Amino acid sequence: MDDPVAWIIIIAFYAPLHFLLPVLVLFITGNEAEVLRRELIRHALIDAGVSMAAAFALVIYLVQQGDLSVAMFILLLSIAFPFIRIWRHRREITD
């Protein structure tokens, strides 16, 4: 996994998926006011950026240790973190 091309491919597919999925969910399922939706999108993008940076730091460490399958599972699992705020917001609306 020392090949930079492999990392570029991972980033090229992972980053858009990581950022666009929460925004897409907010657009499709959202019935909030425009101002609230923009705030939720901004928070989802911030959450996605932070979780992606943390995931890549952990993944790089795990790949250096030789745990490639665990590293890829961490990348897959970190996609869910931006949805936590969306889910919590949806629960607050329904309560």
PDB file of N, CA and C in Angstrom:
ATOM      1  N   MET A   1       0.827  -1.203   0.000  1.00  0.00           N
ATOM      2  CA  MET A   1       0.000   0.000   0.000  1.00  0.00           C
ATOM      3  C   MET A   1       0.862   1.253   0.000  1.00  0.00           C
ATOM      4  N   ASP A   2       2.114   1.118  -0.382  1.00  0.00           N
ATOM      5  CA  ASP A   2       2.990   2.281  -0.457  1.00  0.00           C
ATOM      6  C   ASP A   2       2.848   3.023  -1.770  1.00  0.00           C
ATOM      7  N   ASP A   3       2.059   2.486  -2.673  1.00  0.00           N
ATOM      8  CA  ASP A   3       1.880   3.085  -3.977  1.00  0.00           C
ATOM      9  C   ASP A   3       0.983   4.322  -3.871  1.00  0.00           C
ATOM     10  N   PRO A   4       1.471   5.502  -4.261  1.00  0.00           N
ATOM     11  CA  PRO A   4       0.647   6.714  -4.174  1.00  0.00           C
ATOM     12  C   PRO A   4      -0.594   6.658  -5.066  1.00  0.00           C
ATOM     13  N   VAL A   5      -0.526   5.902  -6.149  1.00  0.00           N
ATOM     14  CA  VAL A   5      -1.687   5.793  -7.035  1.00  0.00           C
ATOM     15  C   VAL A   5      -2.850   5.120  -6.301  1.00  0.00           C
ATOM     16  N   ALA A   6      -2.559   4.128  -5.477  1.00  0.00           N
ATOM     17  CA  ALA A   6      -3.609   3.450  -4.711  1.00  0.00           C
ATOM     18  C   ALA A   6      -4.276   4.425  -3.741  1.00  0.00           C
ATOM     19  N   TRP A   7      -3.493   5.279  -3.100  1.00  0.00           N
ATOM     20  CA  TRP A   7      -4.060   6.268  -2.174  1.00  0.00           C
ATOM     21  C   TRP A   7      -4.885   7.313  -2.925  1.00  0.00           C
ATOM     22  N   ILE A   8      -4.439   7.698  -4.096  1.00  0.00           N
ATOM     23  CA  ILE A   8      -5.195   8.669  -4.890  1.00  0.00           C
ATOM     24  C   ILE A   8      -6.540   8.071  -5.308  1.00  0.00           C
ATOM     25  N   ILE A   9      -6.535   6.798  -5.688  1.00  0.00           N
ATOM     26  CA  ILE A   9      -7.794   6.139  -6.060  1.00  0.00           C
ATOM     27  C   ILE A   9      -8.720   6.048  -4.860  1.00  0.00           C
ATOM     28  N   ILE A  10      -8.198   5.682  -3.698  1.00  0.00           N
ATOM     29  CA  ILE A  10      -9.019   5.592  -2.482  1.00  0.00           C
ATOM     30  C   ILE A  10      -9.618   6.949  -2.159  1.00  0.00           C
ATOM     31  N   ILE A  11      -8.816   7.990  -2.200  1.00  0.00           N
ATOM     32  CA  ILE A  11      -9.301   9.334  -1.875  1.00  0.00           C
ATOM     33  C   ILE A  11     -10.304   9.815  -2.928  1.00  0.00           C
ATOM     34  N   ALA A  12     -10.043   9.514  -4.187  1.00  0.00           N
ATOM     35  CA  ALA A  12     -10.932   9.987  -5.257  1.00  0.00           C
ATOM     36  C   ALA A  12     -12.334   9.376  -5.163  1.00  0.00           C
ATOM     37  N   PHE A  13     -12.442   8.161  -4.682  1.00  0.00           N
ATOM     38  CA  PHE A  13     -13.756   7.548  -4.537  1.00  0.00           C
ATOM     39  C   PHE A  13     -14.360   7.782  -3.158  1.00  0.00           C
ATOM     40  N   TYR A  14     -13.522   7.825  -2.153  1.00  0.00           N
ATOM     41  CA  TYR A  14     -14.009   7.924  -0.779  1.00  0.00           C
ATOM     42  C   TYR A  14     -14.478   9.328  -0.428  1.00  0.00           C
ATOM     43  N   ALA A  15     -13.718  10.334  -0.776  1.00  0.00           N
ATOM     44  CA  ALA A  15     -14.045  11.715  -0.383  1.00  0.00           C
ATOM     45  C   ALA A  15     -15.390  12.184  -0.943  1.00  0.00           C
ATOM     46  N   PRO A  16     -15.671  12.033  -2.219  1.00  0.00           N
ATOM     47  CA  PRO A  16     -16.997  12.476  -2.694  1.00  0.00           C
ATOM     48  C   PRO A  16     -18.137  11.696  -2.043  1.00  0.00           C
ATOM     49  N   LEU A  17     -17.940  10.407  -1.856  1.00  0.00           N
ATOM     50  CA  LEU A  17     -18.971   9.603  -1.209  1.00  0.00           C
ATOM     51  C   LEU A  17     -19.184  10.063   0.228  1.00  0.00           C
ATOM     52  N   HIS A  18     -18.106  10.361   0.901  1.00  0.00           N
ATOM     53  CA  HIS A  18     -18.170  10.770   2.309  1.00  0.00           C
ATOM     54  C   HIS A  18     -18.856  12.126   2.473  1.00  0.00           C
ATOM     55  N   PHE A  19     -18.646  13.048   1.555  1.00  0.00           N
ATOM     56  CA  PHE A  19     -19.239  14.380   1.664  1.00  0.00           C
ATOM     57  C   PHE A  19     -20.631  14.475   1.037  1.00  0.00           C
ATOM     58  N   LEU A  20     -20.857  13.771  -0.058  1.00  0.00           N
ATOM     59  CA  LEU A  20     -22.113  13.940  -0.791  1.00  0.00           C
ATOM     60  C   LEU A  20     -23.282  13.148  -0.220  1.00  0.00           C
ATOM     61  N   LEU A  21     -23.028  12.008   0.403  1.00  0.00           N
ATOM     62  CA  LEU A  21     -24.134  11.220   0.945  1.00  0.00           C
ATOM     63  C   LEU A  21     -24.944  11.962   2.006  1.00  0.00           C
ATOM     64  N   PRO A  22     -24.322  12.595   3.000  1.00  0.00           N
ATOM     65  CA  PRO A  22     -25.126  13.330   3.988  1.00  0.00           C
ATOM     66  C   PRO A  22     -25.906  14.483   3.366  1.00  0.00           C
ATOM     67  N   VAL A  23     -25.299  15.192   2.431  1.00  0.00           N
ATOM     68  CA  VAL A  23     -25.979  16.311   1.783  1.00  0.00           C
ATOM     69  C   VAL A  23     -27.156  15.798   0.959  1.00  0.00           C
ATOM     70  N   LEU A  24     -26.959  14.698   0.274  1.00  0.00           N
ATOM     71  CA  LEU A  24     -28.036  14.109  -0.508  1.00  0.00           C
ATOM     72  C   LEU A  24     -29.194  13.666   0.388  1.00  0.00           C
ATOM     73  N   VAL A  25     -28.882  13.072   1.513  1.00  0.00           N
ATOM     74  CA  VAL A  25     -29.927  12.660   2.455  1.00  0.00           C
ATOM     75  C   VAL A  25     -30.694  13.872   2.965  1.00  0.00           C
ATOM     76  N   LEU A  26     -29.990  14.949   3.257  1.00  0.00           N
ATOM     77  CA  LEU A  26     -30.667  16.162   3.736  1.00  0.00           C
ATOM     78  C   LEU A  26     -31.575  16.754   2.669  1.00  0.00           C
ATOM     79  N   PHE A  27     -31.153  16.717   1.411  1.00  0.00           N
ATOM     80  CA  PHE A  27     -31.992  17.262   0.341  1.00  0.00           C
ATOM     81  C   PHE A  27     -33.216  16.392   0.083  1.00  0.00           C
ATOM     82  N   ILE A  28     -33.034  15.092   0.111  1.00  0.00           N
ATOM     83  CA  ILE A  28     -34.130  14.190  -0.215  1.00  0.00           C
ATOM     84  C   ILE A  28     -35.147  14.101   0.912  1.00  0.00           C
ATOM     85  N   THR A  29     -34.680  13.962   2.136  1.00  0.00           N
ATOM     86  CA  THR A  29     -35.598  13.712   3.248  1.00  0.00           C
ATOM     87  C   THR A  29     -35.951  14.950   4.043  1.00  0.00           C
ATOM     88  N   GLY A  30     -35.323  16.069   3.750  1.00  0.00           N
ATOM     89  CA  GLY A  30     -35.542  17.257   4.568  1.00  0.00           C
ATOM     90  C   GLY A  30     -36.798  18.017   4.230  1.00  0.00           C
ATOM     91  N   ASN A  31     -37.518  18.411   5.259  1.00  0.00           N
ATOM     92  CA  ASN A  31     -38.661  19.288   5.078  1.00  0.00           C
ATOM     93  C   ASN A  31     -38.553  20.484   6.021  1.00  0.00           C
ATOM     94  N   GLU A  32     -37.317  20.811   6.385  1.00  0.00           N
ATOM     95  CA  GLU A  32     -37.058  21.943   7.262  1.00  0.00           C
ATOM     96  C   GLU A  32     -37.090  23.243   6.455  1.00  0.00           C
ATOM     97  N   ALA A  33     -37.068  24.336   7.189  1.00  0.00           N
ATOM     98  CA  ALA A  33     -36.946  25.643   6.547  1.00  0.00           C
ATOM     99  C   ALA A  33     -35.570  25.751   5.884  1.00  0.00           C
ATOM    100  N   GLU A  34     -35.468  26.637   4.909  1.00  0.00           N
ATOM    101  CA  GLU A  34     -34.226  26.773   4.137  1.00  0.00           C
ATOM    102  C   GLU A  34     -33.038  27.133   5.023  1.00  0.00           C
ATOM    103  N   VAL A  35     -33.246  28.022   5.973  1.00  0.00           N
ATOM    104  CA  VAL A  35     -32.148  28.443   6.856  1.00  0.00           C
ATOM    105  C   VAL A  35     -31.661  27.266   7.692  1.00  0.00           C
ATOM    106  N   LEU A  36     -32.581  26.506   8.238  1.00  0.00           N
ATOM    107  CA  LEU A  36     -32.219  25.346   9.049  1.00  0.00           C
ATOM    108  C   LEU A  36     -31.548  24.278   8.196  1.00  0.00           C
ATOM    109  N   ARG A  37     -32.022  24.086   6.982  1.00  0.00           N
ATOM    110  CA  ARG A  37     -31.405  23.103   6.093  1.00  0.00           C
ATOM    111  C   ARG A  37     -29.974  23.494   5.754  1.00  0.00           C
ATOM    112  N   ARG A  38     -29.739  24.770   5.498  1.00  0.00           N
ATOM    113  CA  ARG A  38     -28.361  25.224   5.214  1.00  0.00           C
ATOM    114  C   ARG A  38     -27.453  24.986   6.413  1.00  0.00           C
ATOM    115  N   GLU A  39     -27.971  25.241   7.600  1.00  0.00           N
ATOM    116  CA  GLU A  39     -27.178  25.012   8.808  1.00  0.00           C
ATOM    117  C   GLU A  39     -26.873  23.527   8.981  1.00  0.00           C
ATOM    118  N   LEU A  40     -27.864  22.685   8.731  1.00  0.00           N
ATOM    119  CA  LEU A  40     -27.642  21.239   8.824  1.00  0.00           C
ATOM    120  C   LEU A  40     -26.628  20.759   7.789  1.00  0.00           C
ATOM    121  N   ILE A  41     -26.703  21.304   6.594  1.00  0.00           N
ATOM    122  CA  ILE A  41     -25.742  20.922   5.556  1.00  0.00           C
ATOM    123  C   ILE A  41     -24.337  21.364   5.949  1.00  0.00           C
ATOM    124  N   ARG A  42     -24.224  22.577   6.473  1.00  0.00           N
ATOM    125  CA  ARG A  42     -22.906  23.070   6.905  1.00  0.00           C
ATOM    126  C   ARG A  42     -22.336  22.178   8.002  1.00  0.00           C
ATOM    127  N   HIS A  43     -23.162  21.823   8.976  1.00  0.00           N
ATOM    128  CA  HIS A  43     -22.699  20.947  10.057  1.00  0.00           C
ATOM    129  C   HIS A  43     -22.365  19.549   9.543  1.00  0.00           C
ATOM    130  N   ALA A  44     -23.135  19.047   8.601  1.00  0.00           N
ATOM    131  CA  ALA A  44     -22.849  17.730   8.030  1.00  0.00           C
ATOM    132  C   ALA A  44     -21.521  17.738   7.279  1.00  0.00           C
ATOM    133  N   LEU A  45     -21.238  18.821   6.561  1.00  0.00           N
ATOM    134  CA  LEU A  45     -19.961  18.917   5.846  1.00  0.00           C
ATOM    135  C   LEU A  45     -18.783  19.032   6.804  1.00  0.00           C
ATOM    136  N   ILE A  46     -18.964  19.776   7.894  1.00  0.00           N
ATOM    137  CA  ILE A  46     -17.910  19.881   8.908  1.00  0.00           C
ATOM    138  C   ILE A  46     -17.683  18.521   9.561  1.00  0.00           C
ATOM    139  N   ASP A  47     -18.778  17.843   9.927  1.00  0.00           N
ATOM    140  CA  ASP A  47     -18.662  16.505  10.512  1.00  0.00           C
ATOM    141  C   ASP A  47     -17.973  15.539   9.557  1.00  0.00           C
ATOM    142  N   ALA A  48     -18.310  15.632   8.281  1.00  0.00           N
ATOM    143  CA  ALA A  48     -17.697  14.758   7.280  1.00  0.00           C
ATOM    144  C   ALA A  48     -16.202  15.037   7.155  1.00  0.00           C
ATOM    145  N   GLY A  49     -15.826  16.300   7.159  1.00  0.00           N
ATOM    146  CA  GLY A  49     -14.408  16.644   7.052  1.00  0.00           C
ATOM    147  C   GLY A  49     -13.601  16.176   8.250  1.00  0.00           C
ATOM    148  N   VAL A  50     -14.153  16.373   9.430  1.00  0.00           N
ATOM    149  CA  VAL A  50     -13.445  15.950  10.647  1.00  0.00           C
ATOM    150  C   VAL A  50     -13.340  14.427  10.708  1.00  0.00           C
ATOM    151  N   SER A  51     -14.446  13.744  10.422  1.00  0.00           N
ATOM    152  CA  SER A  51     -14.401  12.283  10.484  1.00  0.00           C
ATOM    153  C   SER A  51     -13.506  11.702   9.395  1.00  0.00           C
ATOM    154  N   MET A  52     -13.479  12.341   8.218  1.00  0.00           N
ATOM    155  CA  MET A  52     -12.609  11.857   7.161  1.00  0.00           C
ATOM    156  C   MET A  52     -11.138  12.059   7.517  1.00  0.00           C
ATOM    157  N   ALA A  53     -10.799  13.200   8.097  1.00  0.00           N
ATOM    158  CA  ALA A  53      -9.409  13.440   8.491  1.00  0.00           C
ATOM    159  C   ALA A  53      -8.977  12.456   9.578  1.00  0.00           C
ATOM    160  N   ALA A  54      -9.833  12.247  10.566  1.00  0.00           N
ATOM    161  CA  ALA A  54      -9.505  11.302  11.637  1.00  0.00           C
ATOM    162  C   ALA A  54      -9.396   9.878  11.090  1.00  0.00           C
ATOM    163  N   ALA A  55     -10.309   9.526  10.189  1.00  0.00           N
ATOM    164  CA  ALA A  55     -10.279   8.180   9.615  1.00  0.00           C
ATOM    165  C   ALA A  55      -9.012   7.964   8.803  1.00  0.00           C
ATOM    166  N   PHE A  56      -8.626   8.943   8.006  1.00  0.00           N
ATOM    167  CA  PHE A  56      -7.412   8.774   7.209  1.00  0.00           C
ATOM    168  C   PHE A  56      -6.164   8.717   8.078  1.00  0.00           C
ATOM    169  N   ALA A  57      -6.127   9.477   9.155  1.00  0.00           N
ATOM    170  CA  ALA A  57      -4.982   9.388  10.063  1.00  0.00           C
ATOM    171  C   ALA A  57      -4.886   7.984  10.658  1.00  0.00           C
ATOM    172  N   LEU A  58      -6.013   7.449  11.097  1.00  0.00           N
ATOM    173  CA  LEU A  58      -6.033   6.100  11.657  1.00  0.00           C
ATOM    174  C   LEU A  58      -5.725   5.056  10.596  1.00  0.00           C
ATOM    175  N   VAL A  59      -6.258   5.241   9.403  1.00  0.00           N
ATOM    176  CA  VAL A  59      -6.033   4.279   8.322  1.00  0.00           C
ATOM    177  C   VAL A  59      -4.562   4.254   7.913  1.00  0.00           C
ATOM    178  N   ILE A  60      -3.950   5.395   7.814  1.00  0.00           N
ATOM    179  CA  ILE A  60      -2.527   5.434   7.446  1.00  0.00           C
ATOM    180  C   ILE A  60      -1.698   4.701   8.492  1.00  0.00           C
ATOM    181  N   TYR A  61      -2.025   4.919   9.757  1.00  0.00           N
ATOM    182  CA  TYR A  61      -1.315   4.212  10.824  1.00  0.00           C
ATOM    183  C   TYR A  61      -1.535   2.702  10.717  1.00  0.00           C
ATOM    184  N   LEU A  62      -2.787   2.289  10.514  1.00  0.00           N
ATOM    185  CA  LEU A  62      -3.086   0.860  10.435  1.00  0.00           C
ATOM    186  C   LEU A  62      -2.448   0.200   9.221  1.00  0.00           C
ATOM    187  N   VAL A  63      -2.390   0.910   8.105  1.00  0.00           N
ATOM    188  CA  VAL A  63      -1.742   0.352   6.916  1.00  0.00           C
ATOM    189  C   VAL A  63      -0.255   0.181   7.154  1.00  0.00           C
ATOM    190  N   GLN A  64       0.362   1.119   7.847  1.00  0.00           N
ATOM    191  CA  GLN A  64       1.781   0.982   8.176  1.00  0.00           C
ATOM    192  C   GLN A  64       2.031  -0.197   9.112  1.00  0.00           C
ATOM    193  N   GLN A  65       1.045  -0.529   9.935  1.00  0.00           N
ATOM    194  CA  GLN A  65       1.164  -1.682  10.827  1.00  0.00           C
ATOM    195  C   GLN A  65       0.832  -2.994  10.121  1.00  0.00           C
ATOM    196  N   GLY A  66       0.262  -2.915   8.907  1.00  0.00           N
ATOM    197  CA  GLY A  66      -0.049  -4.101   8.133  1.00  0.00           C
ATOM    198  C   GLY A  66      -1.481  -4.591   8.273  1.00  0.00           C
ATOM    199  N   ASP A  67      -2.356  -3.810   8.893  1.00  0.00           N
ATOM    200  CA  ASP A  67      -3.756  -4.195   9.081  1.00  0.00           C
ATOM    201  C   ASP A  67      -4.633  -3.548   8.011  1.00  0.00           C
ATOM    202  N   LEU A  68      -4.523  -4.023   6.792  1.00  0.00           N
ATOM    203  CA  LEU A  68      -5.235  -3.411   5.679  1.00  0.00           C
ATOM    204  C   LEU A  68      -6.745  -3.623   5.769  1.00  0.00           C
ATOM    205  N   SER A  69      -7.178  -4.807   6.143  1.00  0.00           N
ATOM    206  CA  SER A  69      -8.620  -5.064   6.195  1.00  0.00           C
ATOM    207  C   SER A  69      -9.280  -4.232   7.304  1.00  0.00           C
ATOM    208  N   VAL A  70      -8.629  -4.076   8.436  1.00  0.00           N
ATOM    209  CA  VAL A  70      -9.170  -3.239   9.509  1.00  0.00           C
ATOM    210  C   VAL A  70      -9.194  -1.784   9.057  1.00  0.00           C
ATOM    211  N   ALA A  71      -8.178  -1.365   8.341  1.00  0.00           N
ATOM    212  CA  ALA A  71      -8.118   0.014   7.858  1.00  0.00           C
ATOM    213  C   ALA A  71      -9.265   0.312   6.898  1.00  0.00           C
ATOM    214  N   MET A  72      -9.557  -0.601   5.998  1.00  0.00           N
ATOM    215  CA  MET A  72     -10.657  -0.383   5.062  1.00  0.00           C
ATOM    216  C   MET A  72     -12.003  -0.411   5.781  1.00  0.00           C
ATOM    217  N   PHE A  73     -12.125  -1.237   6.825  1.00  0.00           N
ATOM    218  CA  PHE A  73     -13.350  -1.254   7.621  1.00  0.00           C
ATOM    219  C   PHE A  73     -13.537   0.074   8.351  1.00  0.00           C
ATOM    220  N   ILE A  74     -12.458   0.665   8.832  1.00  0.00           N
ATOM    221  CA  ILE A  74     -12.518   1.978   9.488  1.00  0.00           C
ATOM    222  C   ILE A  74     -13.001   3.033   8.498  1.00  0.00           C
ATOM    223  N   LEU A  75     -12.517   2.991   7.263  1.00  0.00           N
ATOM    224  CA  LEU A  75     -12.988   3.936   6.252  1.00  0.00           C
ATOM    225  C   LEU A  75     -14.481   3.773   5.996  1.00  0.00           C
ATOM    226  N   LEU A  76     -14.925   2.542   5.892  1.00  0.00           N
ATOM    227  CA  LEU A  76     -16.342   2.281   5.663  1.00  0.00           C
ATOM    228  C   LEU A  76     -17.190   2.731   6.855  1.00  0.00           C
ATOM    229  N   LEU A  77     -16.721   2.459   8.043  1.00  0.00           N
ATOM    230  CA  LEU A  77     -17.453   2.825   9.250  1.00  0.00           C
ATOM    231  C   LEU A  77     -17.524   4.342   9.449  1.00  0.00           C
ATOM    232  N   SER A  78     -16.483   5.045   9.066  1.00  0.00           N
ATOM    233  CA  SER A  78     -16.453   6.491   9.284  1.00  0.00           C
ATOM    234  C   SER A  78     -17.425   7.250   8.386  1.00  0.00           C
ATOM    235  N   ILE A  79     -17.932   6.609   7.352  1.00  0.00           N
ATOM    236  CA  ILE A  79     -18.936   7.252   6.502  1.00  0.00           C
ATOM    237  C   ILE A  79     -20.205   7.537   7.300  1.00  0.00           C
ATOM    238  N   ALA A  80     -20.466   6.744   8.325  1.00  0.00           N
ATOM    239  CA  ALA A  80     -21.695   6.892   9.117  1.00  0.00           C
ATOM    240  C   ALA A  80     -21.654   8.079  10.081  1.00  0.00           C
ATOM    241  N   PHE A  81     -20.497   8.585  10.438  1.00  0.00           N
ATOM    242  CA  PHE A  81     -20.414   9.641  11.445  1.00  0.00           C
ATOM    243  C   PHE A  81     -21.164  10.926  11.079  1.00  0.00           C
ATOM    244  N   PRO A  82     -21.124  11.419   9.850  1.00  0.00           N
ATOM    245  CA  PRO A  82     -21.899  12.629   9.542  1.00  0.00           C
ATOM    246  C   PRO A  82     -23.406  12.442   9.691  1.00  0.00           C
ATOM    247  N   PHE A  83     -23.873  11.206   9.619  1.00  0.00           N
ATOM    248  CA  PHE A  83     -25.305  10.955   9.748  1.00  0.00           C
ATOM    249  C   PHE A  83     -25.801  11.023  11.188  1.00  0.00           C
ATOM    250  N   ILE A  84     -24.890  11.016  12.143  1.00  0.00           N
ATOM    251  CA  ILE A  84     -25.294  11.049  13.555  1.00  0.00           C
ATOM    252  C   ILE A  84     -26.020  12.348  13.868  1.00  0.00           C
ATOM    253  N   ARG A  85     -25.477  13.488  13.437  1.00  0.00           N
ATOM    254  CA  ARG A  85     -26.130  14.775  13.690  1.00  0.00           C
ATOM    255  C   ARG A  85     -27.471  14.856  12.960  1.00  0.00           C
ATOM    256  N   ILE A  86     -27.517  14.336  11.736  1.00  0.00           N
ATOM    257  CA  ILE A  86     -28.778  14.344  10.988  1.00  0.00           C
ATOM    258  C   ILE A  86     -29.818  13.510  11.725  1.00  0.00           C
ATOM    259  N   TRP A  87     -29.439  12.327  12.184  1.00  0.00           N
ATOM    260  CA  TRP A  87     -30.358  11.454  12.899  1.00  0.00           C
ATOM    261  C   TRP A  87     -30.828  12.094  14.197  1.00  0.00           C
ATOM    262  N   ARG A  88     -29.904  12.706  14.937  1.00  0.00           N
ATOM    263  CA  ARG A  88     -30.285  13.377  16.182  1.00  0.00           C
ATOM    264  C   ARG A  88     -31.237  14.527  15.911  1.00  0.00           C
ATOM    265  N   HIS A  89     -31.000  15.270  14.832  1.00  0.00           N
ATOM    266  CA  HIS A  89     -31.895  16.383  14.499  1.00  0.00           C
ATOM    267  C   HIS A  89     -33.285  15.867  14.130  1.00  0.00           C
ATOM    268  N   ARG A  90     -33.330  14.800  13.368  1.00  0.00           N
ATOM    269  CA  ARG A  90     -34.626  14.242  12.994  1.00  0.00           C
ATOM    270  C   ARG A  90     -35.392  13.760  14.221  1.00  0.00           C
ATOM    271  N   ARG A  91     -34.685  13.200  15.186  1.00  0.00           N
ATOM    272  CA  ARG A  91     -35.338  12.764  16.421  1.00  0.00           C
ATOM    273  C   ARG A  91     -35.881  13.947  17.213  1.00  0.00           C
ATOM    274  N   GLU A  92     -35.136  15.056  17.231  1.00  0.00           N
ATOM    275  CA  GLU A  92     -35.606  16.253  17.940  1.00  0.00           C
ATOM    276  C   GLU A  92     -36.868  16.829  17.292  1.00  0.00           C
ATOM    277  N   ILE A  93     -36.954  16.766  15.978  1.00  0.00           N
ATOM    278  CA  ILE A  93     -38.122  17.285  15.275  1.00  0.00           C
ATOM    279  C   ILE A  93     -39.357  16.438  15.600  1.00  0.00           C
ATOM    280  N   THR A  94     -39.181  15.119  15.622  1.00  0.00           N
ATOM    281  CA  THR A  94     -40.338  14.247  15.847  1.00  0.00           C
ATOM    282  C   THR A  94     -40.779  14.203  17.308  1.00  0.00           C
ATOM    283  N   ASP A  95     -39.913  14.567  18.242  1.00  0.00           N
ATOM    284  CA  ASP A  95     -40.280  14.564  19.669  1.00  0.00           C
ATOM    285  C   ASP A  95     -41.150  15.721  20.049  1.00  0.00           C
TER     286      ASP A  95
END
